[in-house]
């Protein structure tokens, strides 16, 4: 169902982070994809990076990139044990 919503609304998707999608939100009348930061980093860990590499890569190459009005939103749920 989420895939249909994203396609219907021409949402921008962050490559490689499909498992990290946790929903959508509205910004200025546009449907925007929402990702969980910890799940994004976990995706990078599965690709073979260590935790620090994954975190650095994500923050440098993903979260700080603005690609227009439909730029995805990345949230921190503060549920990850690695941060404690």
PDB file of N, CA and C in Angstrom:
ATOM      1  N   UNK A   1       0.819  -1.194   0.000  1.00  0.00           N
ATOM      2  CA  UNK A   1       0.000   0.000   0.000  1.00  0.00           C
ATOM      3  C   UNK A   1       0.868   1.267   0.000  1.00  0.00           C
ATOM      4  N   UNK A   2       1.952   1.275   0.776  1.00  0.00           N
ATOM      5  CA  UNK A   2       2.796   2.462   0.827  1.00  0.00           C
ATOM      6  C   UNK A   2       3.400   2.768  -0.537  1.00  0.00           C
ATOM      7  N   UNK A   3       3.764   1.726  -1.287  1.00  0.00           N
ATOM      8  CA  UNK A   3       4.339   1.938  -2.624  1.00  0.00           C
ATOM      9  C   UNK A   3       3.354   2.667  -3.536  1.00  0.00           C
ATOM     10  N   UNK A   4       2.084   2.301  -3.462  1.00  0.00           N
ATOM     11  CA  UNK A   4       1.072   2.967  -4.292  1.00  0.00           C
ATOM     12  C   UNK A   4       0.916   4.438  -3.916  1.00  0.00           C
ATOM     13  N   UNK A   5       0.938   4.711  -2.630  1.00  0.00           N
ATOM     14  CA  UNK A   5       0.817   6.095  -2.159  1.00  0.00           C
ATOM     15  C   UNK A   5       2.000   6.919  -2.655  1.00  0.00           C
ATOM     16  N   UNK A   6       3.185   6.355  -2.553  1.00  0.00           N
ATOM     17  CA  UNK A   6       4.386   7.067  -2.991  1.00  0.00           C
ATOM     18  C   UNK A   6       4.364   7.319  -4.495  1.00  0.00           C
ATOM     19  N   UNK A   7       3.943   6.318  -5.257  1.00  0.00           N
ATOM     20  CA  UNK A   7       3.874   6.476  -6.711  1.00  0.00           C
ATOM     21  C   UNK A   7       2.799   7.479  -7.120  1.00  0.00           C
ATOM     22  N   UNK A   8       1.628   7.391  -6.508  1.00  0.00           N
ATOM     23  CA  UNK A   8       0.529   8.311  -6.833  1.00  0.00           C
ATOM     24  C   UNK A   8       0.912   9.765  -6.593  1.00  0.00           C
ATOM     25  N   UNK A   9       1.758   9.998  -5.623  1.00  0.00           N
ATOM     26  CA  UNK A   9       2.123  11.361  -5.245  1.00  0.00           C
ATOM     27  C   UNK A   9       3.493  11.785  -5.759  1.00  0.00           C
ATOM     28  N   UNK A  10       4.079  10.981  -6.655  1.00  0.00           N
ATOM     29  CA  UNK A  10       5.391  11.291  -7.231  1.00  0.00           C
ATOM     30  C   UNK A  10       6.418  11.651  -6.159  1.00  0.00           C
ATOM     31  N   UNK A  11       6.447  10.859  -5.096  1.00  0.00           N
ATOM     32  CA  UNK A  11       7.368  11.114  -3.989  1.00  0.00           C
ATOM     33  C   UNK A  11       8.803  10.811  -4.399  1.00  0.00           C
ATOM     34  N   UNK A  12       9.720  11.573  -3.867  1.00  0.00           N
ATOM     35  CA  UNK A  12      11.142  11.300  -4.055  1.00  0.00           C
ATOM     36  C   UNK A  12      11.564  10.248  -3.045  1.00  0.00           C
ATOM     37  N   UNK A  13      12.315   9.264  -3.524  1.00  0.00           N
ATOM     38  CA  UNK A  13      12.730   8.143  -2.701  1.00  0.00           C
ATOM     39  C   UNK A  13      14.249   8.168  -2.556  1.00  0.00           C
ATOM     40  N   UNK A  14      14.742   7.929  -1.355  1.00  0.00           N
ATOM     41  CA  UNK A  14      16.186   7.831  -1.119  1.00  0.00           C
ATOM     42  C   UNK A  14      16.624   6.419  -1.486  1.00  0.00           C
ATOM     43  N   UNK A  15      17.522   6.303  -2.458  1.00  0.00           N
ATOM     44  CA  UNK A  15      17.984   5.000  -2.938  1.00  0.00           C
ATOM     45  C   UNK A  15      18.578   4.159  -1.822  1.00  0.00           C
ATOM     46  N   UNK A  16      18.141   2.898  -1.784  1.00  0.00           N
ATOM     47  CA  UNK A  16      18.712   1.938  -0.849  1.00  0.00           C
ATOM     48  C   UNK A  16      18.107   1.928   0.532  1.00  0.00           C
ATOM     49  N   UNK A  17      17.102   2.763   0.759  1.00  0.00           N
ATOM     50  CA  UNK A  17      16.537   2.855   2.105  1.00  0.00           C
ATOM     51  C   UNK A  17      15.058   2.482   2.173  1.00  0.00           C
ATOM     52  N   UNK A  18      14.599   1.634   1.268  1.00  0.00           N
ATOM     53  CA  UNK A  18      13.183   1.247   1.266  1.00  0.00           C
ATOM     54  C   UNK A  18      12.735   0.656   2.603  1.00  0.00           C
ATOM     55  N   UNK A  19      13.623  -0.123   3.236  1.00  0.00           N
ATOM     56  CA  UNK A  19      13.281  -0.750   4.522  1.00  0.00           C
ATOM     57  C   UNK A  19      13.165   0.263   5.655  1.00  0.00           C
ATOM     58  N   UNK A  20      13.633   1.479   5.430  1.00  0.00           N
ATOM     59  CA  UNK A  20      13.629   2.503   6.478  1.00  0.00           C
ATOM     60  C   UNK A  20      12.434   3.447   6.383  1.00  0.00           C
ATOM     61  N   UNK A  21      11.583   3.254   5.370  1.00  0.00           N
ATOM     62  CA  UNK A  21      10.385   4.104   5.247  1.00  0.00           C
ATOM     63  C   UNK A  21       9.435   3.769   6.388  1.00  0.00           C
ATOM     64  N   UNK A  22       9.018   4.807   7.111  1.00  0.00           N
ATOM     65  CA  UNK A  22       8.078   4.579   8.212  1.00  0.00           C
ATOM     66  C   UNK A  22       6.741   5.264   7.981  1.00  0.00           C
ATOM     67  N   UNK A  23       6.625   6.018   6.899  1.00  0.00           N
ATOM     68  CA  UNK A  23       5.349   6.650   6.602  1.00  0.00           C
ATOM     69  C   UNK A  23       5.509   7.836   5.678  1.00  0.00           C
ATOM     70  N   UNK A  24       4.490   8.668   5.705  1.00  0.00           N
ATOM     71  CA  UNK A  24       4.481   9.897   4.918  1.00  0.00           C
ATOM     72  C   UNK A  24       3.995  11.035   5.794  1.00  0.00           C
ATOM     73  N   UNK A  25       4.215  12.245   5.309  1.00  0.00           N
ATOM     74  CA  UNK A  25       3.671  13.423   5.975  1.00  0.00           C
ATOM     75  C   UNK A  25       3.306  14.419   4.885  1.00  0.00           C
ATOM     76  N   UNK A  26       2.701  15.516   5.275  1.00  0.00           N
ATOM     77  CA  UNK A  26       2.334  16.569   4.342  1.00  0.00           C
ATOM     78  C   UNK A  26       3.175  17.800   4.627  1.00  0.00           C
ATOM     79  N   UNK A  27       3.738  18.376   3.565  1.00  0.00           N
ATOM     80  CA  UNK A  27       4.474  19.621   3.681  1.00  0.00           C
ATOM     81  C   UNK A  27       4.028  20.506   2.529  1.00  0.00           C
ATOM     82  N   UNK A  28       3.432  21.624   2.852  1.00  0.00           N
ATOM     83  CA  UNK A  28       2.938  22.562   1.837  1.00  0.00           C
ATOM     84  C   UNK A  28       2.036  21.874   0.827  1.00  0.00           C
ATOM     85  N   UNK A  29       1.198  20.963   1.294  1.00  0.00           N
ATOM     86  CA  UNK A  29       0.244  20.269   0.433  1.00  0.00           C
ATOM     87  C   UNK A  29       0.821  19.115  -0.353  1.00  0.00           C
ATOM     88  N   UNK A  30       2.084  18.811  -0.170  1.00  0.00           N
ATOM     89  CA  UNK A  30       2.744  17.706  -0.873  1.00  0.00           C
ATOM     90  C   UNK A  30       2.945  16.534   0.077  1.00  0.00           C
ATOM     91  N   UNK A  31       2.771  15.324  -0.437  1.00  0.00           N
ATOM     92  CA  UNK A  31       3.050  14.123   0.348  1.00  0.00           C
ATOM     93  C   UNK A  31       4.550  13.859   0.269  1.00  0.00           C
ATOM     94  N   UNK A  32       5.166  13.703   1.442  1.00  0.00           N
ATOM     95  CA  UNK A  32       6.607  13.524   1.566  1.00  0.00           C
ATOM     96  C   UNK A  32       6.889  12.192   2.273  1.00  0.00           C
ATOM     97  N   UNK A  33       7.903  11.476   1.804  1.00  0.00           N
ATOM     98  CA  UNK A  33       8.308  10.221   2.434  1.00  0.00           C
ATOM     99  C   UNK A  33       9.048  10.525   3.735  1.00  0.00           C
ATOM    100  N   UNK A  34       8.780   9.716   4.758  1.00  0.00           N
ATOM    101  CA  UNK A  34       9.452   9.862   6.052  1.00  0.00           C
ATOM    102  C   UNK A  34      10.252   8.588   6.327  1.00  0.00           C
ATOM    103  N   UNK A  35      11.522   8.790   6.679  1.00  0.00           N
ATOM    104  CA  UNK A  35      12.439   7.690   6.972  1.00  0.00           C
ATOM    105  C   UNK A  35      12.890   7.746   8.427  1.00  0.00           C
ATOM    106  N   UNK A  36      13.184   6.576   8.982  1.00  0.00           N
ATOM    107  CA  UNK A  36      13.769   6.457  10.314  1.00  0.00           C
ATOM    108  C   UNK A  36      15.295   6.452  10.142  1.00  0.00           C
ATOM    109  N   UNK A  37      15.989   7.382  10.765  1.00  0.00           N
ATOM    110  CA  UNK A  37      17.435   7.499  10.630  1.00  0.00           C
ATOM    111  C   UNK A  37      18.146   6.208  11.035  1.00  0.00           C
ATOM    112  N   UNK A  38      17.765   5.620  12.157  1.00  0.00           N
ATOM    113  CA  UNK A  38      18.425   4.396  12.615  1.00  0.00           C
ATOM    114  C   UNK A  38      18.272   3.266  11.603  1.00  0.00           C
ATOM    115  N   UNK A  39      17.103   3.171  10.990  1.00  0.00           N
ATOM    116  CA  UNK A  39      16.884   2.131   9.991  1.00  0.00           C
ATOM    117  C   UNK A  39      17.705   2.399   8.737  1.00  0.00           C
ATOM    118  N   UNK A  40      17.903   3.664   8.389  1.00  0.00           N
ATOM    119  CA  UNK A  40      18.766   4.007   7.253  1.00  0.00           C
ATOM    120  C   UNK A  40      20.198   3.577   7.540  1.00  0.00           C
ATOM    121  N   UNK A  41      20.674   3.872   8.728  1.00  0.00           N
ATOM    122  CA  UNK A  41      22.035   3.478   9.101  1.00  0.00           C
ATOM    123  C   UNK A  41      22.160   1.961   9.128  1.00  0.00           C
ATOM    124  N   UNK A  42      21.124   1.275   9.617  1.00  0.00           N
ATOM    125  CA  UNK A  42      21.138  -0.190   9.602  1.00  0.00           C
ATOM    126  C   UNK A  42      21.261  -0.731   8.177  1.00  0.00           C
ATOM    127  N   UNK A  43      20.619  -0.082   7.222  1.00  0.00           N
ATOM    128  CA  UNK A  43      20.732  -0.499   5.814  1.00  0.00           C
ATOM    129  C   UNK A  43      22.170  -0.408   5.342  1.00  0.00           C
ATOM    130  N   UNK A  44      22.858   0.653   5.729  1.00  0.00           N
ATOM    131  CA  UNK A  44      24.256   0.817   5.348  1.00  0.00           C
ATOM    132  C   UNK A  44      25.143  -0.215   6.036  1.00  0.00           C
ATOM    133  N   UNK A  45      24.808  -0.566   7.265  1.00  0.00           N
ATOM    134  CA  UNK A  45      25.561  -1.605   7.975  1.00  0.00           C
ATOM    135  C   UNK A  45      25.435  -2.937   7.247  1.00  0.00           C
ATOM    136  N   UNK A  46      24.241  -3.235   6.740  1.00  0.00           N
ATOM    137  CA  UNK A  46      24.039  -4.475   5.989  1.00  0.00           C
ATOM    138  C   UNK A  46      24.831  -4.469   4.684  1.00  0.00           C
ATOM    139  N   UNK A  47      25.158  -3.279   4.182  1.00  0.00           N
ATOM    140  CA  UNK A  47      25.969  -3.162   2.962  1.00  0.00           C
ATOM    141  C   UNK A  47      27.459  -3.299   3.242  1.00  0.00           C
ATOM    142  N   UNK A  48      27.830  -3.521   4.515  1.00  0.00           N
ATOM    143  CA  UNK A  48      29.214  -3.802   4.843  1.00  0.00           C
ATOM    144  C   UNK A  48      29.987  -2.692   5.534  1.00  0.00           C
ATOM    145  N   UNK A  49      29.366  -1.569   5.789  1.00  0.00           N
ATOM    146  CA  UNK A  49      30.064  -0.493   6.498  1.00  0.00           C
ATOM    147  C   UNK A  49      30.051  -0.781   7.992  1.00  0.00           C
ATOM    148  N   UNK A  50      31.063  -0.255   8.717  1.00  0.00           N
ATOM    149  CA  UNK A  50      30.970  -0.326  10.173  1.00  0.00           C
ATOM    150  C   UNK A  50      30.085   0.840  10.633  1.00  0.00           C
ATOM    151  N   UNK A  51      29.756   0.856  11.915  1.00  0.00           N
ATOM    152  CA  UNK A  51      28.783   1.842  12.400  1.00  0.00           C
ATOM    153  C   UNK A  51      29.217   3.281  12.133  1.00  0.00           C
ATOM    154  N   UNK A  52      30.462   3.622  12.438  1.00  0.00           N
ATOM    155  CA  UNK A  52      30.912   5.007  12.250  1.00  0.00           C
ATOM    156  C   UNK A  52      30.919   5.395  10.776  1.00  0.00           C
ATOM    157  N   UNK A  53      31.362   4.482   9.908  1.00  0.00           N
ATOM    158  CA  UNK A  53      31.339   4.750   8.462  1.00  0.00           C
ATOM    159  C   UNK A  53      29.912   4.981   7.977  1.00  0.00           C
ATOM    160  N   UNK A  54      28.992   4.133   8.424  1.00  0.00           N
ATOM    161  CA  UNK A  54      27.599   4.244   8.001  1.00  0.00           C
ATOM    162  C   UNK A  54      26.991   5.564   8.464  1.00  0.00           C
ATOM    163  N   UNK A  55      27.246   5.907   9.706  1.00  0.00           N
ATOM    164  CA  UNK A  55      26.715   7.160  10.256  1.00  0.00           C
ATOM    165  C   UNK A  55      27.286   8.358   9.502  1.00  0.00           C
ATOM    166  N   UNK A  56      28.606   8.389   9.297  1.00  0.00           N
ATOM    167  CA  UNK A  56      29.237   9.491   8.571  1.00  0.00           C
ATOM    168  C   UNK A  56      28.710   9.591   7.147  1.00  0.00           C
ATOM    169  N   UNK A  57      28.621   8.454   6.461  1.00  0.00           N
ATOM    170  CA  UNK A  57      28.121   8.440   5.089  1.00  0.00           C
ATOM    171  C   UNK A  57      26.699   8.980   5.032  1.00  0.00           C
ATOM    172  N   UNK A  58      25.848   8.498   5.921  1.00  0.00           N
ATOM    173  CA  UNK A  58      24.450   8.905   5.928  1.00  0.00           C
ATOM    174  C   UNK A  58      24.315  10.409   6.161  1.00  0.00           C
ATOM    175  N   UNK A  59      24.988  10.921   7.174  1.00  0.00           N
ATOM    176  CA  UNK A  59      24.843  12.343   7.481  1.00  0.00           C
ATOM    177  C   UNK A  59      25.465  13.240   6.417  1.00  0.00           C
ATOM    178  N   UNK A  60      26.538  12.800   5.804  1.00  0.00           N
ATOM    179  CA  UNK A  60      27.186  13.632   4.784  1.00  0.00           C
ATOM    180  C   UNK A  60      26.479  13.547   3.430  1.00  0.00           C
ATOM    181  N   UNK A  61      26.082  12.333   3.016  1.00  0.00           N
ATOM    182  CA  UNK A  61      25.581  12.110   1.670  1.00  0.00           C
ATOM    183  C   UNK A  61      24.063  12.042   1.533  1.00  0.00           C
ATOM    184  N   UNK A  62      23.356  11.927   2.618  1.00  0.00           N
ATOM    185  CA  UNK A  62      21.914  11.713   2.507  1.00  0.00           C
ATOM    186  C   UNK A  62      21.108  12.785   3.214  1.00  0.00           C
ATOM    187  N   UNK A  63      21.260  12.890   4.501  1.00  0.00           N
ATOM    188  CA  UNK A  63      20.372  13.739   5.281  1.00  0.00           C
ATOM    189  C   UNK A  63      20.521  15.227   4.958  1.00  0.00           C
ATOM    190  N   UNK A  64      21.689  15.638   4.544  1.00  0.00           N
ATOM    191  CA  UNK A  64      21.905  17.057   4.265  1.00  0.00           C
ATOM    192  C   UNK A  64      21.676  17.448   2.817  1.00  0.00           C
ATOM    193  N   UNK A  65      21.171  16.520   2.011  1.00  0.00           N
ATOM    194  CA  UNK A  65      20.926  16.813   0.598  1.00  0.00           C
ATOM    195  C   UNK A  65      19.503  17.330   0.407  1.00  0.00           C
ATOM    196  N   UNK A  66      19.398  18.495  -0.199  1.00  0.00           N
ATOM    197  CA  UNK A  66      18.085  19.045  -0.539  1.00  0.00           C
ATOM    198  C   UNK A  66      17.891  18.862  -2.035  1.00  0.00           C
ATOM    199  N   UNK A  67      16.806  18.189  -2.410  1.00  0.00           N
ATOM    200  CA  UNK A  67      16.550  17.917  -3.821  1.00  0.00           C
ATOM    201  C   UNK A  67      15.198  18.469  -4.274  1.00  0.00           C
ATOM    202  N   UNK A  68      14.760  19.526  -3.613  1.00  0.00           N
ATOM    203  CA  UNK A  68      13.512  20.159  -4.016  1.00  0.00           C
ATOM    204  C   UNK A  68      12.405  19.999  -2.998  1.00  0.00           C
ATOM    205  N   UNK A  69      11.238  20.456  -3.405  1.00  0.00           N
ATOM    206  CA  UNK A  69      10.072  20.482  -2.504  1.00  0.00           C
ATOM    207  C   UNK A  69       9.734  19.131  -1.890  1.00  0.00           C
ATOM    208  N   UNK A  70       9.994  18.071  -2.605  1.00  0.00           N
ATOM    209  CA  UNK A  70       9.617  16.743  -2.121  1.00  0.00           C
ATOM    210  C   UNK A  70      10.784  15.997  -1.477  1.00  0.00           C
ATOM    211  N   UNK A  71      11.796  16.743  -1.027  1.00  0.00           N
ATOM    212  CA  UNK A  71      12.922  16.118  -0.336  1.00  0.00           C
ATOM    213  C   UNK A  71      12.388  15.310   0.851  1.00  0.00           C
ATOM    214  N   UNK A  72      12.795  14.052   0.957  1.00  0.00           N
ATOM    215  CA  UNK A  72      12.316  13.227   2.078  1.00  0.00           C
ATOM    216  C   UNK A  72      12.708  13.810   3.433  1.00  0.00           C
ATOM    217  N   UNK A  73      11.978  13.371   4.438  1.00  0.00           N
ATOM    218  CA  UNK A  73      12.220  13.768   5.823  1.00  0.00           C
ATOM    219  C   UNK A  73      12.817  12.568   6.556  1.00  0.00           C
ATOM    220  N   UNK A  74      13.823  12.833   7.360  1.00  0.00           N
ATOM    221  CA  UNK A  74      14.488  11.793   8.148  1.00  0.00           C
ATOM    222  C   UNK A  74      14.304  12.143   9.615  1.00  0.00           C
ATOM    223  N   UNK A  75      13.746  11.209  10.381  1.00  0.00           N
ATOM    224  CA  UNK A  75      13.498  11.487  11.793  1.00  0.00           C
ATOM    225  C   UNK A  75      14.328  10.573  12.687  1.00  0.00           C
ATOM    226  N   UNK A  76      14.600  11.072  13.867  1.00  0.00           N
ATOM    227  CA  UNK A  76      15.321  10.322  14.875  1.00  0.00           C
ATOM    228  C   UNK A  76      14.322   9.944  15.955  1.00  0.00           C
ATOM    229  N   UNK A  77      14.130   8.657  16.158  1.00  0.00           N
ATOM    230  CA  UNK A  77      13.163   8.188  17.153  1.00  0.00           C
ATOM    231  C   UNK A  77      13.790   8.002  18.529  1.00  0.00           C
ATOM    232  N   UNK A  78      15.114   8.101  18.619  1.00  0.00           N
ATOM    233  CA  UNK A  78      15.844   7.934  19.885  1.00  0.00           C
ATOM    234  C   UNK A  78      15.585   6.585  20.538  1.00  0.00           C
ATOM    235  N   UNK A  79      15.305   5.575  19.725  1.00  0.00           N
ATOM    236  CA  UNK A  79      15.068   4.225  20.246  1.00  0.00           C
ATOM    237  C   UNK A  79      16.269   3.316  20.097  1.00  0.00           C
ATOM    238  N   UNK A  80      17.332   3.765  19.484  1.00  0.00           N
ATOM    239  CA  UNK A  80      18.455   2.907  19.179  1.00  0.00           C
ATOM    240  C   UNK A  80      19.367   2.759  20.386  1.00  0.00           C
ATOM    241  N   UNK A  81      19.656   1.524  20.738  1.00  0.00           N
ATOM    242  CA  UNK A  81      20.501   1.227  21.895  1.00  0.00           C
ATOM    243  C   UNK A  81      21.937   1.701  21.711  1.00  0.00           C
ATOM    244  N   UNK A  82      22.410   1.822  20.464  1.00  0.00           N
ATOM    245  CA  UNK A  82      23.794   2.239  20.221  1.00  0.00           C
ATOM    246  C   UNK A  82      24.047   3.643  20.740  1.00  0.00           C
ATOM    247  N   UNK A  83      23.035   4.437  20.878  1.00  0.00           N
ATOM    248  CA  UNK A  83      23.210   5.830  21.306  1.00  0.00           C
ATOM    249  C   UNK A  83      23.265   5.985  22.807  1.00  0.00           C
ATOM    250  N   UNK A  84      22.909   4.973  23.537  1.00  0.00           N
ATOM    251  CA  UNK A  84      22.839   5.075  24.990  1.00  0.00           C
ATOM    252  C   UNK A  84      24.162   4.778  25.643  1.00  0.00           C
TER     253      UNK A  84
END
